[in-house]
Amino acid sequence: RSSQIGSKSNGVSVRGYASPIKSVTVFGSGLMGSGIAQVAAETGHNVVLVDVNDAALDKSKKGISGSLSRVVKKKFATDASAGEKYLNETMGRIKMTTKLEEAAQSDLIVEAIVENLDVKNEL
């Protein structure tokens, strides 16, 4: 019931649910932001990971890939092809960019940038 919405339309009672979250944008690709992006992608969400430069995004991509490789090693120890598929599909759900406008169509936006009030206000 947590996301139920009740309303009337043309005198007919309509009961619906809030739209599910399908896409997530994470601002900040540091340890916290990349972790959030990874978990969101692992749970089937399309993710846009935004940071100020490509070097930060490259570092994040390597970190996420390494973390997922450890997950695959444990979770798919006896099925290498399923593990490779899991890794590729999860990484395929993460788009990395330096362009803020690519976050415009997200269902959920998470701010995980550096704990600096001036930087946060600028964002």
PDB file of N, CA and C in Angstrom:
ATOM      1  N   ARG A   1       0.802  -1.201   0.000  1.00  0.00           N
ATOM      2  CA  ARG A   1       0.000   0.000   0.000  1.00  0.00           C
ATOM      3  C   ARG A   1       0.847   1.268   0.000  1.00  0.00           C
ATOM      4  N   SER A   2       2.108   1.152   0.230  1.00  0.00           N
ATOM      5  CA  SER A   2       2.936   2.333   0.428  1.00  0.00           C
ATOM      6  C   SER A   2       2.899   3.317  -0.729  1.00  0.00           C
ATOM      7  N   SER A   3       2.687   2.842  -1.945  1.00  0.00           N
ATOM      8  CA  SER A   3       2.690   3.772  -3.073  1.00  0.00           C
ATOM      9  C   SER A   3       1.334   3.849  -3.773  1.00  0.00           C
ATOM     10  N   GLN A   4       0.259   3.398  -3.100  1.00  0.00           N
ATOM     11  CA  GLN A   4      -1.061   3.476  -3.717  1.00  0.00           C
ATOM     12  C   GLN A   4      -1.552   4.902  -3.770  1.00  0.00           C
ATOM     13  N   ILE A   5      -2.246   5.203  -4.846  1.00  0.00           N
ATOM     14  CA  ILE A   5      -2.851   6.516  -5.033  1.00  0.00           C
ATOM     15  C   ILE A   5      -4.306   6.288  -5.391  1.00  0.00           C
ATOM     16  N   GLY A   6      -5.211   6.870  -4.643  1.00  0.00           N
ATOM     17  CA  GLY A   6      -6.626   6.735  -4.961  1.00  0.00           C
ATOM     18  C   GLY A   6      -7.142   8.026  -5.570  1.00  0.00           C
ATOM     19  N   SER A   7      -8.003   7.925  -6.575  1.00  0.00           N
ATOM     20  CA  SER A   7      -8.583   9.119  -7.184  1.00  0.00           C
ATOM     21  C   SER A   7      -9.882   8.748  -7.867  1.00  0.00           C
ATOM     22  N   LYS A   8     -10.605   9.753  -8.312  1.00  0.00           N
ATOM     23  CA  LYS A   8     -11.839   9.513  -9.080  1.00  0.00           C
ATOM     24  C   LYS A   8     -11.660  10.144 -10.447  1.00  0.00           C
ATOM     25  N   SER A   9     -12.078   9.422 -11.458  1.00  0.00           N
ATOM     26  CA  SER A   9     -12.005   9.913 -12.820  1.00  0.00           C
ATOM     27  C   SER A   9     -13.365   9.696 -13.463  1.00  0.00           C
ATOM     28  N   ASN A  10     -14.023  10.771 -13.870  1.00  0.00           N
ATOM     29  CA  ASN A  10     -15.362  10.685 -14.469  1.00  0.00           C
ATOM     30  C   ASN A  10     -16.343   9.924 -13.571  1.00  0.00           C
ATOM     31  N   GLY A  11     -16.223  10.142 -12.268  1.00  0.00           N
ATOM     32  CA  GLY A  11     -17.140   9.513 -11.333  1.00  0.00           C
ATOM     33  C   GLY A  11     -16.816   8.066 -11.024  1.00  0.00           C
ATOM     34  N   VAL A  12     -15.773   7.510 -11.642  1.00  0.00           N
ATOM     35  CA  VAL A  12     -15.396   6.119 -11.405  1.00  0.00           C
ATOM     36  C   VAL A  12     -14.161   6.115 -10.517  1.00  0.00           C
ATOM     37  N   SER A  13     -14.215   5.329  -9.468  1.00  0.00           N
ATOM     38  CA  SER A  13     -13.072   5.237  -8.574  1.00  0.00           C
ATOM     39  C   SER A  13     -11.927   4.512  -9.272  1.00  0.00           C
ATOM     40  N   VAL A  14     -10.749   5.118  -9.244  1.00  0.00           N
ATOM     41  CA  VAL A  14      -9.577   4.539  -9.886  1.00  0.00           C
ATOM     42  C   VAL A  14      -8.507   4.364  -8.823  1.00  0.00           C
ATOM     43  N   ARG A  15      -7.970   3.185  -8.747  1.00  0.00           N
ATOM     44  CA  ARG A  15      -6.899   2.947  -7.789  1.00  0.00           C
ATOM     45  C   ARG A  15      -5.659   2.548  -8.584  1.00  0.00           C
ATOM     46  N   GLY A  16      -4.591   3.280  -8.404  1.00  0.00           N
ATOM     47  CA  GLY A  16      -3.371   2.996  -9.149  1.00  0.00           C
ATOM     48  C   GLY A  16      -2.172   3.044  -8.231  1.00  0.00           C
ATOM     49  N   TYR A  17      -1.048   2.918  -8.799  1.00  0.00           N
ATOM     50  CA  TYR A  17       0.204   2.935  -8.061  1.00  0.00           C
ATOM     51  C   TYR A  17       1.127   3.962  -8.691  1.00  0.00           C
ATOM     52  N   ALA A  18       1.994   4.508  -7.869  1.00  0.00           N
ATOM     53  CA  ALA A  18       2.997   5.446  -8.371  1.00  0.00           C
ATOM     54  C   ALA A  18       3.906   4.712  -9.356  1.00  0.00           C
ATOM     55  N   SER A  19       4.439   5.431 -10.301  1.00  0.00           N
ATOM     56  CA  SER A  19       5.328   4.839 -11.300  1.00  0.00           C
ATOM     57  C   SER A  19       6.577   4.270 -10.642  1.00  0.00           C
ATOM     58  N   PRO A  20       7.019   3.105 -11.083  1.00  0.00           N
ATOM     59  CA  PRO A  20       8.251   2.537 -10.520  1.00  0.00           C
ATOM     60  C   PRO A  20       9.470   3.309 -11.005  1.00  0.00           C
ATOM     61  N   ILE A  21      10.520   3.245 -10.253  1.00  0.00           N
ATOM     62  CA  ILE A  21      11.779   3.897 -10.638  1.00  0.00           C
ATOM     63  C   ILE A  21      12.490   2.986 -11.630  1.00  0.00           C
ATOM     64  N   LYS A  22      12.724   3.496 -12.821  1.00  0.00           N
ATOM     65  CA  LYS A  22      13.407   2.733 -13.862  1.00  0.00           C
ATOM     66  C   LYS A  22      14.805   3.272 -14.137  1.00  0.00           C
ATOM     67  N   SER A  23      14.972   4.586 -13.946  1.00  0.00           N
ATOM     68  CA  SER A  23      16.269   5.200 -14.243  1.00  0.00           C
ATOM     69  C   SER A  23      16.729   6.051 -13.074  1.00  0.00           C
ATOM     70  N   VAL A  24      18.032   5.993 -12.836  1.00  0.00           N
ATOM     71  CA  VAL A  24      18.645   6.686 -11.703  1.00  0.00           C
ATOM     72  C   VAL A  24      19.827   7.494 -12.220  1.00  0.00           C
ATOM     73  N   THR A  25      19.939   8.730 -11.749  1.00  0.00           N
ATOM     74  CA  THR A  25      21.132   9.521 -12.017  1.00  0.00           C
ATOM     75  C   THR A  25      21.851   9.746 -10.704  1.00  0.00           C
ATOM     76  N   VAL A  26      23.161   9.574 -10.719  1.00  0.00           N
ATOM     77  CA  VAL A  26      23.987   9.816  -9.545  1.00  0.00           C
ATOM     78  C   VAL A  26      24.986  10.904  -9.900  1.00  0.00           C
ATOM     79  N   PHE A  27      24.938  12.005  -9.162  1.00  0.00           N
ATOM     80  CA  PHE A  27      25.927  13.067  -9.325  1.00  0.00           C
ATOM     81  C   PHE A  27      27.064  12.790  -8.356  1.00  0.00           C
ATOM     82  N   GLY A  28      28.243  12.598  -8.898  1.00  0.00           N
ATOM     83  CA  GLY A  28      29.416  12.300  -8.085  1.00  0.00           C
ATOM     84  C   GLY A  28      29.805  10.849  -8.250  1.00  0.00           C
ATOM     85  N   SER A  29      31.015  10.608  -8.750  1.00  0.00           N
ATOM     86  CA  SER A  29      31.442   9.239  -9.029  1.00  0.00           C
ATOM     87  C   SER A  29      32.524   8.754  -8.076  1.00  0.00           C
ATOM     88  N   GLY A  30      32.578   9.359  -6.896  1.00  0.00           N
ATOM     89  CA  GLY A  30      33.524   8.887  -5.887  1.00  0.00           C
ATOM     90  C   GLY A  30      33.082   7.551  -5.321  1.00  0.00           C
ATOM     91  N   LEU A  31      33.629   7.192  -4.191  1.00  0.00           N
ATOM     92  CA  LEU A  31      33.334   5.894  -3.591  1.00  0.00           C
ATOM     93  C   LEU A  31      31.840   5.709  -3.341  1.00  0.00           C
ATOM     94  N   MET A  32      31.200   6.696  -2.751  1.00  0.00           N
ATOM     95  CA  MET A  32      29.773   6.580  -2.458  1.00  0.00           C
ATOM     96  C   MET A  32      28.939   6.581  -3.740  1.00  0.00           C
ATOM     97  N   GLY A  33      29.196   7.513  -4.629  1.00  0.00           N
ATOM     98  CA  GLY A  33      28.425   7.615  -5.861  1.00  0.00           C
ATOM     99  C   GLY A  33      28.567   6.389  -6.737  1.00  0.00           C
ATOM    100  N   SER A  34      29.788   5.874  -6.864  1.00  0.00           N
ATOM    101  CA  SER A  34      29.975   4.682  -7.686  1.00  0.00           C
ATOM    102  C   SER A  34      29.317   3.464  -7.042  1.00  0.00           C
ATOM    103  N   GLY A  35      29.323   3.400  -5.728  1.00  0.00           N
ATOM    104  CA  GLY A  35      28.644   2.301  -5.039  1.00  0.00           C
ATOM    105  C   GLY A  35      27.138   2.340  -5.258  1.00  0.00           C
ATOM    106  N   ILE A  36      26.570   3.528  -5.179  1.00  0.00           N
ATOM    107  CA  ILE A  36      25.134   3.696  -5.431  1.00  0.00           C
ATOM    108  C   ILE A  36      24.811   3.306  -6.871  1.00  0.00           C
ATOM    109  N   ALA A  37      25.633   3.760  -7.800  1.00  0.00           N
ATOM    110  CA  ALA A  37      25.424   3.437  -9.214  1.00  0.00           C
ATOM    111  C   ALA A  37      25.494   1.931  -9.444  1.00  0.00           C
ATOM    112  N   GLN A  38      26.457   1.280  -8.826  1.00  0.00           N
ATOM    113  CA  GLN A  38      26.613  -0.165  -8.990  1.00  0.00           C
ATOM    114  C   GLN A  38      25.385  -0.907  -8.476  1.00  0.00           C
ATOM    115  N   VAL A  39      24.944  -0.591  -7.275  1.00  0.00           N
ATOM    116  CA  VAL A  39      23.794  -1.287  -6.698  1.00  0.00           C
ATOM    117  C   VAL A  39      22.535  -1.036  -7.529  1.00  0.00           C
ATOM    118  N   ALA A  40      22.359   0.189  -7.982  1.00  0.00           N
ATOM    119  CA  ALA A  40      21.187   0.498  -8.817  1.00  0.00           C
ATOM    120  C   ALA A  40      21.231  -0.314 -10.115  1.00  0.00           C
ATOM    121  N   ALA A  41      22.401  -0.403 -10.732  1.00  0.00           N
ATOM    122  CA  ALA A  41      22.533  -1.177 -11.975  1.00  0.00           C
ATOM    123  C   ALA A  41      22.343  -2.671 -11.720  1.00  0.00           C
ATOM    124  N   GLU A  42      22.851  -3.159 -10.602  1.00  0.00           N
ATOM    125  CA  GLU A  42      22.684  -4.576 -10.278  1.00  0.00           C
ATOM    126  C   GLU A  42      21.224  -4.942 -10.049  1.00  0.00           C
ATOM    127  N   THR A  43      20.434  -3.986  -9.637  1.00  0.00           N
ATOM    128  CA  THR A  43      19.011  -4.248  -9.395  1.00  0.00           C
ATOM    129  C   THR A  43      18.150  -3.917 -10.609  1.00  0.00           C
ATOM    130  N   GLY A  44      18.797  -3.748 -11.765  1.00  0.00           N
ATOM    131  CA  GLY A  44      18.071  -3.612 -13.019  1.00  0.00           C
ATOM    132  C   GLY A  44      17.744  -2.200 -13.464  1.00  0.00           C
ATOM    133  N   HIS A  45      18.244  -1.200 -12.763  1.00  0.00           N
ATOM    134  CA  HIS A  45      17.970   0.191 -13.128  1.00  0.00           C
ATOM    135  C   HIS A  45      18.991   0.694 -14.145  1.00  0.00           C
ATOM    136  N   ASN A  46      18.538   1.534 -15.059  1.00  0.00           N
ATOM    137  CA  ASN A  46      19.461   2.237 -15.948  1.00  0.00           C
ATOM    138  C   ASN A  46      20.025   3.409 -15.164  1.00  0.00           C
ATOM    139  N   VAL A  47      21.332   3.578 -15.220  1.00  0.00           N
ATOM    140  CA  VAL A  47      22.020   4.568 -14.391  1.00  0.00           C
ATOM    141  C   VAL A  47      22.816   5.530 -15.260  1.00  0.00           C
ATOM    142  N   VAL A  48      22.732   6.814 -14.917  1.00  0.00           N
ATOM    143  CA  VAL A  48      23.620   7.820 -15.487  1.00  0.00           C
ATOM    144  C   VAL A  48      24.481   8.305 -14.337  1.00  0.00           C
ATOM    145  N   LEU A  49      25.784   8.137 -14.458  1.00  0.00           N
ATOM    146  CA  LEU A  49      26.739   8.572 -13.441  1.00  0.00           C
ATOM    147  C   LEU A  49      27.430   9.820 -13.966  1.00  0.00           C
ATOM    148  N   VAL A  50      27.272  10.934 -13.253  1.00  0.00           N
ATOM    149  CA  VAL A  50      27.759  12.230 -13.720  1.00  0.00           C
ATOM    150  C   VAL A  50      28.888  12.718 -12.815  1.00  0.00           C
ATOM    151  N   ASP A  51      29.961  13.183 -13.432  1.00  0.00           N
ATOM    152  CA  ASP A  51      31.045  13.831 -12.684  1.00  0.00           C
ATOM    153  C   ASP A  51      31.646  14.930 -13.545  1.00  0.00           C
ATOM    154  N   VAL A  52      32.547  15.712 -12.956  1.00  0.00           N
ATOM    155  CA  VAL A  52      33.069  16.901 -13.629  1.00  0.00           C
ATOM    156  C   VAL A  52      34.113  16.606 -14.691  1.00  0.00           C
ATOM    157  N   ASN A  53      34.747  15.427 -14.621  1.00  0.00           N
ATOM    158  CA  ASN A  53      35.757  15.133 -15.637  1.00  0.00           C
ATOM    159  C   ASN A  53      35.839  13.640 -15.922  1.00  0.00           C
ATOM    160  N   ASP A  54      36.410  13.334 -17.069  1.00  0.00           N
ATOM    161  CA  ASP A  54      36.519  11.945 -17.507  1.00  0.00           C
ATOM    162  C   ASP A  54      37.453  11.123 -16.633  1.00  0.00           C
ATOM    163  N   ALA A  55      38.468  11.749 -16.054  1.00  0.00           N
ATOM    164  CA  ALA A  55      39.399  11.008 -15.202  1.00  0.00           C
ATOM    165  C   ALA A  55      38.672  10.425 -13.991  1.00  0.00           C
ATOM    166  N   ALA A  56      37.791  11.204 -13.387  1.00  0.00           N
ATOM    167  CA  ALA A  56      37.012  10.715 -12.241  1.00  0.00           C
ATOM    168  C   ALA A  56      36.096   9.576 -12.668  1.00  0.00           C
ATOM    169  N   LEU A  57      35.489   9.714 -13.834  1.00  0.00           N
ATOM    170  CA  LEU A  57      34.588   8.668 -14.333  1.00  0.00           C
ATOM    171  C   LEU A  57      35.351   7.388 -14.678  1.00  0.00           C
ATOM    172  N   ASP A  58      36.545   7.524 -15.251  1.00  0.00           N
ATOM    173  CA  ASP A  58      37.372   6.357 -15.566  1.00  0.00           C
ATOM    174  C   ASP A  58      37.752   5.600 -14.295  1.00  0.00           C
ATOM    175  N   LYS A  59      38.113   6.347 -13.267  1.00  0.00           N
ATOM    176  CA  LYS A  59      38.466   5.739 -11.979  1.00  0.00           C
ATOM    177  C   LYS A  59      37.256   5.001 -11.406  1.00  0.00           C
ATOM    178  N   SER A  60      36.096   5.617 -11.503  1.00  0.00           N
ATOM    179  CA  SER A  60      34.873   4.999 -11.009  1.00  0.00           C
ATOM    180  C   SER A  60      34.546   3.728 -11.787  1.00  0.00           C
ATOM    181  N   LYS A  61      34.700   3.785 -13.102  1.00  0.00           N
ATOM    182  CA  LYS A  61      34.412   2.613 -13.942  1.00  0.00           C
ATOM    183  C   LYS A  61      35.300   1.443 -13.536  1.00  0.00           C
ATOM    184  N   LYS A  62      36.572   1.713 -13.302  1.00  0.00           N
ATOM    185  CA  LYS A  62      37.497   0.659 -12.881  1.00  0.00           C
ATOM    186  C   LYS A  62      37.091   0.105 -11.518  1.00  0.00           C
ATOM    187  N   GLY A  63      36.695   0.982 -10.613  1.00  0.00           N
ATOM    188  CA  GLY A  63      36.276   0.542  -9.283  1.00  0.00           C
ATOM    189  C   GLY A  63      35.025  -0.317  -9.325  1.00  0.00           C
ATOM    190  N   ILE A  64      34.037   0.111 -10.107  1.00  0.00           N
ATOM    191  CA  ILE A  64      32.797  -0.661 -10.230  1.00  0.00           C
ATOM    192  C   ILE A  64      33.083  -2.013 -10.883  1.00  0.00           C
ATOM    193  N   SER A  65      33.879  -2.015 -11.932  1.00  0.00           N
ATOM    194  CA  SER A  65      34.215  -3.254 -12.623  1.00  0.00           C
ATOM    195  C   SER A  65      34.939  -4.218 -11.681  1.00  0.00           C
ATOM    196  N   GLY A  66      35.864  -3.694 -10.896  1.00  0.00           N
ATOM    197  CA  GLY A  66      36.589  -4.538  -9.936  1.00  0.00           C
ATOM    198  C   GLY A  66      35.663  -5.101  -8.867  1.00  0.00           C
ATOM    199  N   SER A  67      34.769  -4.265  -8.369  1.00  0.00           N
ATOM    200  CA  SER A  67      33.809  -4.708  -7.363  1.00  0.00           C
ATOM    201  C   SER A  67      32.885  -5.778  -7.923  1.00  0.00           C
ATOM    202  N   LEU A  68      32.387  -5.542  -9.137  1.00  0.00           N
ATOM    203  CA  LEU A  68      31.517  -6.532  -9.776  1.00  0.00           C
ATOM    204  C   LEU A  68      32.256  -7.838 -10.049  1.00  0.00           C
ATOM    205  N   SER A  69      33.521  -7.746 -10.388  1.00  0.00           N
ATOM    206  CA  SER A  69      34.316  -8.962 -10.625  1.00  0.00           C
ATOM    207  C   SER A  69      34.401  -9.802  -9.360  1.00  0.00           C
ATOM    208  N   ARG A  70      34.525  -9.148  -8.211  1.00  0.00           N
ATOM    209  CA  ARG A  70      34.546  -9.879  -6.942  1.00  0.00           C
ATOM    210  C   ARG A  70      33.186 -10.521  -6.658  1.00  0.00           C
ATOM    211  N   VAL A  71      32.106  -9.796  -6.972  1.00  0.00           N
ATOM    212  CA  VAL A  71      30.758 -10.345  -6.805  1.00  0.00           C
ATOM    213  C   VAL A  71      30.592 -11.575  -7.691  1.00  0.00           C
ATOM    214  N   VAL A  72      31.009 -11.452  -8.946  1.00  0.00           N
ATOM    215  CA  VAL A  72      30.880 -12.554  -9.909  1.00  0.00           C
ATOM    216  C   VAL A  72      31.672 -13.769  -9.439  1.00  0.00           C
ATOM    217  N   LYS A  73      32.869 -13.537  -8.926  1.00  0.00           N
ATOM    218  CA  LYS A  73      33.722 -14.640  -8.478  1.00  0.00           C
ATOM    219  C   LYS A  73      33.033 -15.456  -7.382  1.00  0.00           C
ATOM    220  N   LYS A  74      32.320 -14.766  -6.502  1.00  0.00           N
ATOM    221  CA  LYS A  74      31.621 -15.457  -5.413  1.00  0.00           C
ATOM    222  C   LYS A  74      30.269 -16.015  -5.853  1.00  0.00           C
ATOM    223  N   LYS A  75      29.504 -15.196  -6.537  1.00  0.00           N
ATOM    224  CA  LYS A  75      28.126 -15.543  -6.878  1.00  0.00           C
ATOM    225  C   LYS A  75      28.030 -16.566  -8.012  1.00  0.00           C
ATOM    226  N   PHE A  76      28.991 -16.531  -8.916  1.00  0.00           N
ATOM    227  CA  PHE A  76      28.954 -17.404 -10.096  1.00  0.00           C
ATOM    228  C   PHE A  76      30.209 -18.274 -10.180  1.00  0.00           C
ATOM    229  N   ALA A  77      30.645 -18.782  -9.049  1.00  0.00           N
ATOM    230  CA  ALA A  77      31.888 -19.562  -8.992  1.00  0.00           C
ATOM    231  C   ALA A  77      31.874 -20.774  -9.913  1.00  0.00           C
ATOM    232  N   THR A  78      30.707 -21.349 -10.115  1.00  0.00           N
ATOM    233  CA  THR A  78      30.630 -22.564 -10.929  1.00  0.00           C
ATOM    234  C   THR A  78      30.067 -22.330 -12.333  1.00  0.00           C
ATOM    235  N   ASP A  79      29.787 -21.071 -12.660  1.00  0.00           N
ATOM    236  CA  ASP A  79      29.194 -20.776 -13.978  1.00  0.00           C
ATOM    237  C   ASP A  79      29.800 -19.484 -14.534  1.00  0.00           C
ATOM    238  N   ALA A  80      30.966 -19.634 -15.152  1.00  0.00           N
ATOM    239  CA  ALA A  80      31.703 -18.472 -15.660  1.00  0.00           C
ATOM    240  C   ALA A  80      30.926 -17.677 -16.695  1.00  0.00           C
ATOM    241  N   SER A  81      30.194 -18.343 -17.573  1.00  0.00           N
ATOM    242  CA  SER A  81      29.462 -17.606 -18.611  1.00  0.00           C
ATOM    243  C   SER A  81      28.319 -16.793 -18.007  1.00  0.00           C
ATOM    244  N   ALA A  82      27.650 -17.308 -16.987  1.00  0.00           N
ATOM    245  CA  ALA A  82      26.600 -16.539 -16.308  1.00  0.00           C
ATOM    246  C   ALA A  82      27.215 -15.346 -15.584  1.00  0.00           C
ATOM    247  N   GLY A  83      28.386 -15.539 -15.021  1.00  0.00           N
ATOM    248  CA  GLY A  83      29.077 -14.449 -14.346  1.00  0.00           C
ATOM    249  C   GLY A  83      29.478 -13.346 -15.303  1.00  0.00           C
ATOM    250  N   GLU A  84      29.988 -13.744 -16.456  1.00  0.00           N
ATOM    251  CA  GLU A  84      30.377 -12.761 -17.477  1.00  0.00           C
ATOM    252  C   GLU A  84      29.152 -11.996 -17.980  1.00  0.00           C
ATOM    253  N   LYS A  85      28.056 -12.717 -18.170  1.00  0.00           N
ATOM    254  CA  LYS A  85      26.807 -12.080 -18.606  1.00  0.00           C
ATOM    255  C   LYS A  85      26.327 -11.070 -17.561  1.00  0.00           C
ATOM    256  N   TYR A  86      26.363 -11.458 -16.299  1.00  0.00           N
ATOM    257  CA  TYR A  86      25.955 -10.581 -15.199  1.00  0.00           C
ATOM    258  C   TYR A  86      26.804  -9.302 -15.181  1.00  0.00           C
ATOM    259  N   LEU A  87      28.111  -9.474 -15.284  1.00  0.00           N
ATOM    260  CA  LEU A  87      29.030  -8.333 -15.283  1.00  0.00           C
ATOM    261  C   LEU A  87      28.761  -7.412 -16.463  1.00  0.00           C
ATOM    262  N   ASN A  88      28.631  -7.974 -17.658  1.00  0.00           N
ATOM    263  CA  ASN A  88      28.422  -7.168 -18.863  1.00  0.00           C
ATOM    264  C   ASN A  88      27.069  -6.451 -18.842  1.00  0.00           C
ATOM    265  N   GLU A  89      26.027  -7.153 -18.412  1.00  0.00           N
ATOM    266  CA  GLU A  89      24.709  -6.525 -18.356  1.00  0.00           C
ATOM    267  C   GLU A  89      24.670  -5.406 -17.316  1.00  0.00           C
ATOM    268  N   THR A  90      25.293  -5.637 -16.170  1.00  0.00           N
ATOM    269  CA  THR A  90      25.309  -4.606 -15.128  1.00  0.00           C
ATOM    270  C   THR A  90      26.093  -3.389 -15.585  1.00  0.00           C
ATOM    271  N   MET A  91      27.274  -3.598 -16.125  1.00  0.00           N
ATOM    272  CA  MET A  91      28.073  -2.473 -16.616  1.00  0.00           C
ATOM    273  C   MET A  91      27.367  -1.769 -17.776  1.00  0.00           C
ATOM    274  N   GLY A  92      26.628  -2.517 -18.568  1.00  0.00           N
ATOM    275  CA  GLY A  92      25.899  -1.947 -19.694  1.00  0.00           C
ATOM    276  C   GLY A  92      24.756  -1.027 -19.283  1.00  0.00           C
ATOM    277  N   ARG A  93      24.307  -1.157 -18.051  1.00  0.00           N
ATOM    278  CA  ARG A  93      23.237  -0.288 -17.552  1.00  0.00           C
ATOM    279  C   ARG A  93      23.774   1.047 -17.016  1.00  0.00           C
ATOM    280  N   ILE A  94      25.093   1.183 -16.925  1.00  0.00           N
ATOM    281  CA  ILE A  94      25.696   2.400 -16.384  1.00  0.00           C
ATOM    282  C   ILE A  94      26.278   3.237 -17.510  1.00  0.00           C
ATOM    283  N   LYS A  95      25.749   4.437 -17.651  1.00  0.00           N
ATOM    284  CA  LYS A  95      26.286   5.394 -18.620  1.00  0.00           C
ATOM    285  C   LYS A  95      27.042   6.453 -17.821  1.00  0.00           C
ATOM    286  N   MET A  96      28.255   6.746 -18.228  1.00  0.00           N
ATOM    287  CA  MET A  96      29.072   7.737 -17.536  1.00  0.00           C
ATOM    288  C   MET A  96      29.205   8.971 -18.413  1.00  0.00           C
ATOM    289  N   THR A  97      29.035  10.139 -17.787  1.00  0.00           N
ATOM    290  CA  THR A  97      29.054  11.385 -18.559  1.00  0.00           C
ATOM    291  C   THR A  97      29.492  12.565 -17.703  1.00  0.00           C
ATOM    292  N   THR A  98      29.920  13.613 -18.393  1.00  0.00           N
ATOM    293  CA  THR A  98      30.224  14.878 -17.724  1.00  0.00           C
ATOM    294  C   THR A  98      29.137  15.919 -18.015  1.00  0.00           C
ATOM    295  N   LYS A  99      28.087  15.509 -18.709  1.00  0.00           N
ATOM    296  CA  LYS A  99      27.036  16.444 -19.134  1.00  0.00           C
ATOM    297  C   LYS A  99      25.826  16.375 -18.205  1.00  0.00           C
ATOM    298  N   LEU A 100      25.565  17.463 -17.494  1.00  0.00           N
ATOM    299  CA  LEU A 100      24.447  17.520 -16.551  1.00  0.00           C
ATOM    300  C   LEU A 100      23.106  17.266 -17.227  1.00  0.00           C
ATOM    301  N   GLU A 101      22.953  17.730 -18.450  1.00  0.00           N
ATOM    302  CA  GLU A 101      21.660  17.618 -19.131  1.00  0.00           C
ATOM    303  C   GLU A 101      21.255  16.163 -19.398  1.00  0.00           C
ATOM    304  N   GLU A 102      22.176  15.235 -19.333  1.00  0.00           N
ATOM    305  CA  GLU A 102      21.841  13.832 -19.563  1.00  0.00           C
ATOM    306  C   GLU A 102      21.080  13.219 -18.386  1.00  0.00           C
ATOM    307  N   ALA A 103      20.935  13.979 -17.314  1.00  0.00           N
ATOM    308  CA  ALA A 103      20.194  13.509 -16.144  1.00  0.00           C
ATOM    309  C   ALA A 103      18.732  13.925 -16.194  1.00  0.00           C
ATOM    310  N   ALA A 104      18.333  14.683 -17.182  1.00  0.00           N
ATOM    311  CA  ALA A 104      17.011  15.301 -17.230  1.00  0.00           C
ATOM    312  C   ALA A 104      15.855  14.313 -17.188  1.00  0.00           C
ATOM    313  N   GLN A 105      16.007  13.134 -17.728  1.00  0.00           N
ATOM    314  CA  GLN A 105      14.892  12.191 -17.826  1.00  0.00           C
ATOM    315  C   GLN A 105      14.883  11.114 -16.741  1.00  0.00           C
ATOM    316  N   SER A 106      15.659  11.286 -15.697  1.00  0.00           N
ATOM    317  CA  SER A 106      15.733  10.268 -14.641  1.00  0.00           C
ATOM    318  C   SER A 106      14.529  10.293 -13.728  1.00  0.00           C
ATOM    319  N   ASP A 107      14.177   9.107 -13.232  1.00  0.00           N
ATOM    320  CA  ASP A 107      13.097   8.993 -12.253  1.00  0.00           C
ATOM    321  C   ASP A 107      13.581   9.349 -10.853  1.00  0.00           C
ATOM    322  N   LEU A 108      14.877   9.152 -10.598  1.00  0.00           N
ATOM    323  CA  LEU A 108      15.469   9.430  -9.292  1.00  0.00           C
ATOM    324  C   LEU A 108      16.845  10.039  -9.489  1.00  0.00           C
ATOM    325  N   ILE A 109      17.121  11.120  -8.781  1.00  0.00           N
ATOM    326  CA  ILE A 109      18.445  11.755  -8.839  1.00  0.00           C
ATOM    327  C   ILE A 109      19.041  11.724  -7.439  1.00  0.00           C
ATOM    328  N   VAL A 110      20.286  11.239  -7.360  1.00  0.00           N
ATOM    329  CA  VAL A 110      21.000  11.139  -6.092  1.00  0.00           C
ATOM    330  C   VAL A 110      22.224  12.036  -6.171  1.00  0.00           C
ATOM    331  N   GLU A 111      22.415  12.862  -5.168  1.00  0.00           N
ATOM    332  CA  GLU A 111      23.586  13.739  -5.102  1.00  0.00           C
ATOM    333  C   GLU A 111      24.592  13.101  -4.151  1.00  0.00           C
ATOM    334  N   ALA A 112      25.762  12.773  -4.668  1.00  0.00           N
ATOM    335  CA  ALA A 112      26.812  12.153  -3.868  1.00  0.00           C
ATOM    336  C   ALA A 112      28.156  12.811  -4.159  1.00  0.00           C
ATOM    337  N   ILE A 113      28.142  14.131  -4.272  1.00  0.00           N
ATOM    338  CA  ILE A 113      29.388  14.844  -4.575  1.00  0.00           C
ATOM    339  C   ILE A 113      30.137  15.169  -3.283  1.00  0.00           C
ATOM    340  N   VAL A 114      31.306  15.703  -3.455  1.00  0.00           N
ATOM    341  CA  VAL A 114      32.197  16.025  -2.340  1.00  0.00           C
ATOM    342  C   VAL A 114      31.470  16.880  -1.293  1.00  0.00           C
ATOM    343  N   GLU A 115      31.798  16.651  -0.036  1.00  0.00           N
ATOM    344  CA  GLU A 115      31.156  17.384   1.063  1.00  0.00           C
ATOM    345  C   GLU A 115      31.760  18.788   1.187  1.00  0.00           C
ATOM    346  N   ASN A 116      31.407  19.608   0.206  1.00  0.00           N
ATOM    347  CA  ASN A 116      31.854  20.992   0.155  1.00  0.00           C
ATOM    348  C   ASN A 116      30.630  21.815  -0.242  1.00  0.00           C
ATOM    349  N   LEU A 117      30.164  22.669   0.652  1.00  0.00           N
ATOM    350  CA  LEU A 117      28.929  23.396   0.431  1.00  0.00           C
ATOM    351  C   LEU A 117      28.973  24.273  -0.831  1.00  0.00           C
ATOM    352  N   ASP A 118      30.105  24.892  -1.120  1.00  0.00           N
ATOM    353  CA  ASP A 118      30.211  25.717  -2.332  1.00  0.00           C
ATOM    354  C   ASP A 118      30.020  24.877  -3.578  1.00  0.00           C
ATOM    355  N   VAL A 119      30.620  23.700  -3.605  1.00  0.00           N
ATOM    356  CA  VAL A 119      30.483  22.808  -4.770  1.00  0.00           C
ATOM    357  C   VAL A 119      29.041  22.326  -4.893  1.00  0.00           C
ATOM    358  N   LYS A 120      28.424  21.976  -3.772  1.00  0.00           N
ATOM    359  CA  LYS A 120      27.038  21.510  -3.791  1.00  0.00           C
ATOM    360  C   LYS A 120      26.097  22.627  -4.280  1.00  0.00           C
ATOM    361  N   ASN A 121      26.311  23.852  -3.819  1.00  0.00           N
ATOM    362  CA  ASN A 121      25.483  24.971  -4.264  1.00  0.00           C
ATOM    363  C   ASN A 121      25.654  25.247  -5.750  1.00  0.00           C
ATOM    364  N   GLU A 122      26.859  25.082  -6.259  1.00  0.00           N
ATOM    365  CA  GLU A 122      27.109  25.288  -7.673  1.00  0.00           C
ATOM    366  C   GLU A 122      26.368  24.254  -8.523  1.00  0.00           C
ATOM    367  N   LEU A 123      26.304  23.018  -8.033  1.00  0.00           N
ATOM    368  CA  LEU A 123      25.589  21.959  -8.758  1.00  0.00           C
ATOM    369  C   LEU A 123      24.113  22.310  -8.850  1.00  0.00           C
TER     370      LEU A 123
END
